């Protein structure tokens, strides 16, 4: 059973940066694609960035050019560097293991990101 623990969220002003971390345990991390998702109040959870086991990345149009996903297989950790943050990036951010049909692990507690002046 994979367990996921997200951290690194907080309150930041528009234009600021944050780096989120997701520590995974209980599975073979290095062979799985991983994704960062977010859920804003009143909205559905959405995928914002993904990274394959080989390091190929994909981004939602709304974050392309501002967010960078990366992974450290030795530490079983995936990161999300978020730059030029906007108020609309405010959400709870989650990571998950990505299967062919979507996320496959139980959701962690997430980490709150609030972008506000």
N, C-alpha and C. Protein backbone atom coordinates (compact mmCIF):
# COMPACT_ATOMS: atom_id res chain seq x y z
N UNK A 1 0.84 -1.19 0.00
CA UNK A 1 0.00 0.00 0.00
C UNK A 1 0.88 1.24 0.00
N UNK A 2 0.77 2.04 -1.06
CA UNK A 2 1.57 3.25 -1.15
C UNK A 2 1.00 4.31 -0.23
N UNK A 3 1.87 4.98 0.49
CA UNK A 3 1.48 6.12 1.31
C UNK A 3 2.17 7.36 0.79
N UNK A 4 1.42 8.45 0.75
CA UNK A 4 1.91 9.70 0.18
C UNK A 4 1.77 10.82 1.20
N UNK A 5 2.83 11.59 1.39
CA UNK A 5 2.81 12.70 2.33
C UNK A 5 3.30 13.95 1.62
N UNK A 6 2.38 14.91 1.47
CA UNK A 6 2.71 16.17 0.81
C UNK A 6 3.10 17.23 1.84
N UNK A 7 3.99 18.13 1.43
CA UNK A 7 4.40 19.23 2.31
C UNK A 7 4.89 20.39 1.48
N UNK A 8 5.08 21.53 2.14
CA UNK A 8 5.67 22.68 1.49
C UNK A 8 4.71 23.80 1.14
N UNK A 9 3.42 23.59 1.38
CA UNK A 9 2.46 24.64 1.07
C UNK A 9 2.55 25.81 2.04
N UNK A 10 1.77 26.83 1.76
CA UNK A 10 1.75 28.00 2.62
C UNK A 10 1.06 29.16 1.97
N UNK A 11 1.21 30.32 2.60
CA UNK A 11 0.65 31.56 2.09
C UNK A 11 1.75 32.33 1.38
N UNK A 12 1.47 32.75 0.16
CA UNK A 12 2.47 33.48 -0.63
C UNK A 12 1.77 34.58 -1.41
N UNK A 13 2.49 35.66 -1.64
CA UNK A 13 1.93 36.77 -2.41
C UNK A 13 1.94 36.44 -3.90
N UNK A 14 1.05 37.06 -4.65
CA UNK A 14 1.09 36.87 -6.11
C UNK A 14 2.48 37.19 -6.66
N UNK A 15 2.93 36.33 -7.57
CA UNK A 15 4.28 36.48 -8.13
C UNK A 15 5.33 35.71 -7.37
N UNK A 16 4.97 35.18 -6.23
CA UNK A 16 5.92 34.45 -5.41
C UNK A 16 6.10 33.02 -5.84
N UNK A 17 6.91 32.30 -5.07
CA UNK A 17 7.25 30.91 -5.39
C UNK A 17 7.10 30.02 -4.17
N UNK A 18 6.82 28.76 -4.44
CA UNK A 18 6.80 27.72 -3.42
C UNK A 18 7.32 26.44 -4.04
N UNK A 19 7.87 25.60 -3.20
CA UNK A 19 8.30 24.27 -3.65
C UNK A 19 7.61 23.21 -2.80
N UNK A 20 6.80 22.40 -3.46
CA UNK A 20 6.09 21.33 -2.77
C UNK A 20 6.89 20.03 -2.87
N UNK A 21 6.75 19.21 -1.85
CA UNK A 21 7.39 17.89 -1.84
C UNK A 21 6.34 16.82 -1.57
N UNK A 22 6.58 15.65 -2.13
CA UNK A 22 5.69 14.51 -1.89
C UNK A 22 6.58 13.29 -1.64
N UNK A 23 6.53 12.78 -0.43
CA UNK A 23 7.31 11.61 -0.06
C UNK A 23 6.43 10.37 -0.17
N UNK A 24 6.91 9.39 -0.90
CA UNK A 24 6.16 8.15 -1.11
C UNK A 24 6.82 6.99 -0.40
N UNK A 25 6.02 6.11 0.14
CA UNK A 25 6.53 4.91 0.78
C UNK A 25 5.59 3.75 0.51
N UNK A 26 6.10 2.55 0.64
CA UNK A 26 5.26 1.37 0.50
C UNK A 26 5.12 0.86 -0.92
N UNK A 27 5.86 1.40 -1.86
CA UNK A 27 5.76 0.93 -3.23
C UNK A 27 7.08 1.08 -3.94
N UNK A 28 7.13 0.64 -5.18
CA UNK A 28 8.35 0.76 -5.96
C UNK A 28 8.26 2.09 -6.70
N UNK A 29 8.73 3.13 -6.05
CA UNK A 29 8.54 4.49 -6.53
C UNK A 29 9.14 4.71 -7.91
N UNK A 30 10.31 4.19 -8.16
CA UNK A 30 11.07 4.57 -9.35
C UNK A 30 10.41 4.12 -10.65
N UNK A 31 9.53 3.12 -10.59
CA UNK A 31 8.96 2.61 -11.84
C UNK A 31 7.63 3.25 -12.18
N UNK A 32 7.13 4.11 -11.32
CA UNK A 32 5.81 4.68 -11.51
C UNK A 32 5.83 6.13 -11.97
N UNK A 33 4.90 6.45 -12.85
CA UNK A 33 4.67 7.86 -13.15
C UNK A 33 3.99 8.49 -11.94
N UNK A 34 4.30 9.76 -11.72
CA UNK A 34 3.73 10.47 -10.58
C UNK A 34 3.10 11.76 -11.08
N UNK A 35 2.08 12.19 -10.37
CA UNK A 35 1.40 13.42 -10.75
C UNK A 35 1.11 14.32 -9.57
N UNK A 36 1.06 15.60 -9.84
CA UNK A 36 0.58 16.58 -8.86
C UNK A 36 -0.81 17.03 -9.30
N UNK A 37 -1.72 17.03 -8.36
CA UNK A 37 -3.10 17.44 -8.60
C UNK A 37 -3.42 18.60 -7.66
N UNK A 38 -4.49 19.30 -7.97
CA UNK A 38 -4.95 20.33 -7.04
C UNK A 38 -6.47 20.40 -7.06
N UNK A 39 -7.00 20.83 -5.93
CA UNK A 39 -8.44 21.00 -5.82
C UNK A 39 -8.72 22.33 -5.13
N UNK A 40 -9.35 23.21 -5.88
CA UNK A 40 -9.75 24.50 -5.34
C UNK A 40 -11.15 24.38 -4.75
N UNK A 41 -11.52 25.27 -3.84
CA UNK A 41 -12.85 25.21 -3.23
C UNK A 41 -13.95 25.23 -4.29
N UNK A 42 -14.86 24.26 -4.19
CA UNK A 42 -15.98 24.20 -5.10
C UNK A 42 -15.66 23.67 -6.48
N UNK A 43 -14.43 23.20 -6.68
CA UNK A 43 -14.03 22.69 -7.99
C UNK A 43 -13.56 21.24 -7.89
N UNK A 44 -13.55 20.59 -9.03
CA UNK A 44 -13.06 19.21 -9.07
C UNK A 44 -11.54 19.18 -9.01
N UNK A 45 -11.02 18.07 -8.53
CA UNK A 45 -9.58 17.89 -8.51
C UNK A 45 -9.08 17.80 -9.95
N UNK A 46 -7.95 18.46 -10.22
CA UNK A 46 -7.41 18.45 -11.57
C UNK A 46 -5.91 18.12 -11.54
N UNK A 47 -5.47 17.50 -12.61
CA UNK A 47 -4.05 17.19 -12.76
C UNK A 47 -3.33 18.41 -13.28
N UNK A 48 -2.26 18.81 -12.62
CA UNK A 48 -1.52 19.99 -13.07
C UNK A 48 -0.16 19.64 -13.65
N UNK A 49 0.45 18.54 -13.22
CA UNK A 49 1.76 18.18 -13.73
C UNK A 49 1.99 16.69 -13.52
N UNK A 50 2.74 16.10 -14.45
CA UNK A 50 3.02 14.68 -14.37
C UNK A 50 4.45 14.43 -14.82
N UNK A 51 5.04 13.36 -14.27
CA UNK A 51 6.39 12.98 -14.64
C UNK A 51 6.47 11.47 -14.71
N UNK A 52 7.05 10.98 -15.80
CA UNK A 52 7.18 9.54 -15.97
C UNK A 52 8.38 9.02 -15.19
N UNK A 53 8.52 7.71 -15.17
CA UNK A 53 9.67 7.12 -14.48
C UNK A 53 10.98 7.54 -15.15
N UNK A 54 10.91 7.84 -16.43
CA UNK A 54 12.11 8.26 -17.16
C UNK A 54 12.36 9.75 -17.12
N UNK A 55 11.44 10.49 -16.50
CA UNK A 55 11.67 11.93 -16.36
C UNK A 55 10.96 12.82 -17.36
N UNK A 56 10.17 12.24 -18.25
CA UNK A 56 9.39 13.07 -19.17
C UNK A 56 8.27 13.75 -18.41
N UNK A 57 8.01 15.00 -18.78
CA UNK A 57 7.03 15.79 -18.02
C UNK A 57 5.90 16.30 -18.89
N UNK A 58 4.80 16.60 -18.24
CA UNK A 58 3.62 17.15 -18.91
C UNK A 58 2.94 18.10 -17.95
N UNK A 59 2.35 19.18 -18.49
CA UNK A 59 1.75 20.20 -17.64
C UNK A 59 0.39 20.62 -18.18
N UNK A 60 -0.47 20.99 -17.27
CA UNK A 60 -1.71 21.63 -17.66
C UNK A 60 -1.39 22.99 -18.26
N UNK A 61 -2.20 23.42 -19.20
CA UNK A 61 -1.95 24.71 -19.86
C UNK A 61 -1.89 25.86 -18.85
N UNK A 62 -2.67 25.75 -17.79
CA UNK A 62 -2.77 26.83 -16.83
C UNK A 62 -1.48 27.05 -16.03
N UNK A 63 -0.60 26.06 -16.00
CA UNK A 63 0.63 26.18 -15.22
C UNK A 63 1.88 26.07 -16.08
N UNK A 64 1.71 25.81 -17.35
CA UNK A 64 2.86 25.62 -18.23
C UNK A 64 3.73 26.89 -18.24
N UNK A 65 5.02 26.68 -18.09
CA UNK A 65 5.95 27.81 -18.06
C UNK A 65 6.16 28.39 -16.68
N UNK A 66 5.33 27.98 -15.72
CA UNK A 66 5.46 28.51 -14.35
C UNK A 66 5.80 27.41 -13.34
N UNK A 67 5.32 26.21 -13.55
CA UNK A 67 5.54 25.10 -12.62
C UNK A 67 6.54 24.12 -13.23
N UNK A 68 7.31 23.51 -12.36
CA UNK A 68 8.27 22.48 -12.80
C UNK A 68 8.15 21.27 -11.88
N UNK A 69 7.87 20.12 -12.47
CA UNK A 69 7.80 18.88 -11.70
C UNK A 69 9.12 18.14 -11.85
N UNK A 70 9.58 17.55 -10.77
CA UNK A 70 10.82 16.78 -10.81
C UNK A 70 10.72 15.64 -9.79
N UNK A 71 11.67 14.73 -9.86
CA UNK A 71 11.63 13.60 -8.93
C UNK A 71 13.04 13.19 -8.56
N UNK A 72 13.15 12.64 -7.35
CA UNK A 72 14.41 12.08 -6.88
C UNK A 72 14.10 10.64 -6.47
N UNK A 73 14.42 9.70 -7.34
CA UNK A 73 14.07 8.31 -7.07
C UNK A 73 14.82 7.75 -5.86
N UNK A 74 15.99 8.26 -5.59
CA UNK A 74 16.76 7.78 -4.44
C UNK A 74 16.06 8.15 -3.13
N UNK A 75 15.30 9.24 -3.16
CA UNK A 75 14.59 9.70 -1.96
C UNK A 75 13.11 9.38 -2.01
N UNK A 76 12.66 8.71 -3.08
CA UNK A 76 11.23 8.41 -3.24
C UNK A 76 10.38 9.67 -3.09
N UNK A 77 10.84 10.73 -3.72
CA UNK A 77 10.19 12.03 -3.56
C UNK A 77 9.96 12.69 -4.91
N UNK A 78 8.81 13.32 -5.04
CA UNK A 78 8.52 14.12 -6.23
C UNK A 78 8.28 15.55 -5.76
N UNK A 79 8.71 16.50 -6.57
CA UNK A 79 8.64 17.91 -6.22
C UNK A 79 7.79 18.68 -7.22
N UNK A 80 7.29 19.82 -6.79
CA UNK A 80 6.63 20.75 -7.67
C UNK A 80 7.12 22.15 -7.34
N UNK A 81 7.95 22.69 -8.21
CA UNK A 81 8.41 24.06 -8.07
C UNK A 81 7.39 24.97 -8.73
N UNK A 82 6.83 25.88 -7.95
CA UNK A 82 5.78 26.75 -8.45
C UNK A 82 6.27 28.18 -8.43
N UNK A 83 6.36 28.79 -9.59
CA UNK A 83 6.83 30.16 -9.73
C UNK A 83 5.72 31.05 -10.28
N UNK A 84 5.91 32.33 -10.15
CA UNK A 84 4.94 33.32 -10.67
C UNK A 84 3.52 32.95 -10.26
N UNK A 85 3.36 32.66 -9.00
CA UNK A 85 2.05 32.20 -8.52
C UNK A 85 0.97 33.25 -8.66
N UNK A 86 -0.24 32.77 -8.95
CA UNK A 86 -1.40 33.62 -9.15
C UNK A 86 -2.48 33.25 -8.12
N UNK A 87 -3.38 34.16 -7.83
CA UNK A 87 -4.47 33.83 -6.90
C UNK A 87 -5.25 32.59 -7.33
N UNK A 88 -5.38 32.37 -8.62
CA UNK A 88 -6.12 31.20 -9.10
C UNK A 88 -5.38 29.89 -8.89
N UNK A 89 -4.13 29.96 -8.43
CA UNK A 89 -3.41 28.73 -8.07
C UNK A 89 -3.76 28.27 -6.65
N UNK A 90 -4.53 29.07 -5.93
CA UNK A 90 -4.93 28.70 -4.58
C UNK A 90 -5.73 27.40 -4.60
N UNK A 91 -5.27 26.42 -3.84
CA UNK A 91 -5.91 25.11 -3.82
C UNK A 91 -5.18 24.22 -2.81
N UNK A 92 -5.75 23.07 -2.56
CA UNK A 92 -5.02 22.01 -1.85
C UNK A 92 -4.34 21.17 -2.92
N UNK A 93 -3.05 20.96 -2.76
CA UNK A 93 -2.26 20.22 -3.73
C UNK A 93 -1.97 18.81 -3.20
N UNK A 94 -2.15 17.85 -4.09
CA UNK A 94 -1.95 16.44 -3.77
C UNK A 94 -1.02 15.80 -4.81
N UNK A 95 -0.34 14.76 -4.41
CA UNK A 95 0.39 13.96 -5.38
C UNK A 95 -0.25 12.57 -5.41
N UNK A 96 0.03 11.84 -6.48
CA UNK A 96 -0.45 10.47 -6.56
C UNK A 96 0.35 9.70 -7.58
N UNK A 97 0.26 8.40 -7.48
CA UNK A 97 0.83 7.49 -8.46
C UNK A 97 -0.12 7.44 -9.64
N UNK A 98 0.41 7.54 -10.83
CA UNK A 98 -0.46 7.60 -12.00
C UNK A 98 -0.51 6.26 -12.71
N UNK A 99 -1.71 5.72 -12.84
CA UNK A 99 -1.91 4.52 -13.63
C UNK A 99 -2.48 4.88 -14.98
N UNK A 100 -2.78 3.87 -15.78
CA UNK A 100 -3.28 4.11 -17.13
C UNK A 100 -4.61 4.86 -17.12
N UNK A 101 -5.40 4.66 -16.08
CA UNK A 101 -6.73 5.27 -16.01
C UNK A 101 -6.80 6.40 -15.00
N UNK A 102 -5.66 6.82 -14.47
CA UNK A 102 -5.69 7.90 -13.50
C UNK A 102 -4.98 7.54 -12.22
N UNK A 103 -5.19 8.32 -11.15
CA UNK A 103 -4.49 8.06 -9.88
C UNK A 103 -4.89 6.72 -9.28
N UNK A 104 -3.92 6.04 -8.68
CA UNK A 104 -4.19 4.68 -8.22
C UNK A 104 -3.99 4.48 -6.71
N UNK A 105 -3.36 5.43 -6.04
CA UNK A 105 -3.11 5.27 -4.61
C UNK A 105 -4.16 6.04 -3.81
N UNK A 106 -4.22 5.73 -2.54
CA UNK A 106 -5.09 6.51 -1.66
C UNK A 106 -4.53 7.93 -1.55
N UNK A 107 -5.42 8.90 -1.48
CA UNK A 107 -4.97 10.29 -1.40
C UNK A 107 -4.39 10.59 -0.03
N UNK A 108 -3.31 11.40 -0.03
CA UNK A 108 -2.77 11.88 1.21
C UNK A 108 -3.59 13.05 1.72
N UNK A 109 -3.04 13.75 2.69
CA UNK A 109 -3.78 14.87 3.29
C UNK A 109 -3.69 16.13 2.46
N UNK A 110 -2.75 16.15 1.52
CA UNK A 110 -2.56 17.33 0.69
C UNK A 110 -1.84 18.44 1.45
N UNK A 111 -1.50 19.49 0.71
CA UNK A 111 -0.86 20.67 1.31
C UNK A 111 -1.52 21.91 0.73
N UNK A 112 -1.91 22.82 1.60
CA UNK A 112 -2.66 24.00 1.19
C UNK A 112 -1.72 25.07 0.64
N UNK A 113 -2.06 25.57 -0.54
CA UNK A 113 -1.35 26.70 -1.14
C UNK A 113 -2.35 27.84 -1.27
N UNK A 114 -2.01 28.97 -0.68
CA UNK A 114 -2.86 30.14 -0.76
C UNK A 114 -2.04 31.29 -1.33
N UNK A 115 -2.53 31.84 -2.43
CA UNK A 115 -1.86 32.96 -3.09
C UNK A 115 -2.72 34.20 -2.91
N UNK A 116 -2.23 35.11 -2.11
CA UNK A 116 -3.04 36.29 -1.77
C UNK A 116 -2.13 37.41 -1.29
N UNK A 117 -2.56 38.62 -1.59
CA UNK A 117 -1.82 39.78 -1.09
C UNK A 117 -2.42 40.26 0.23
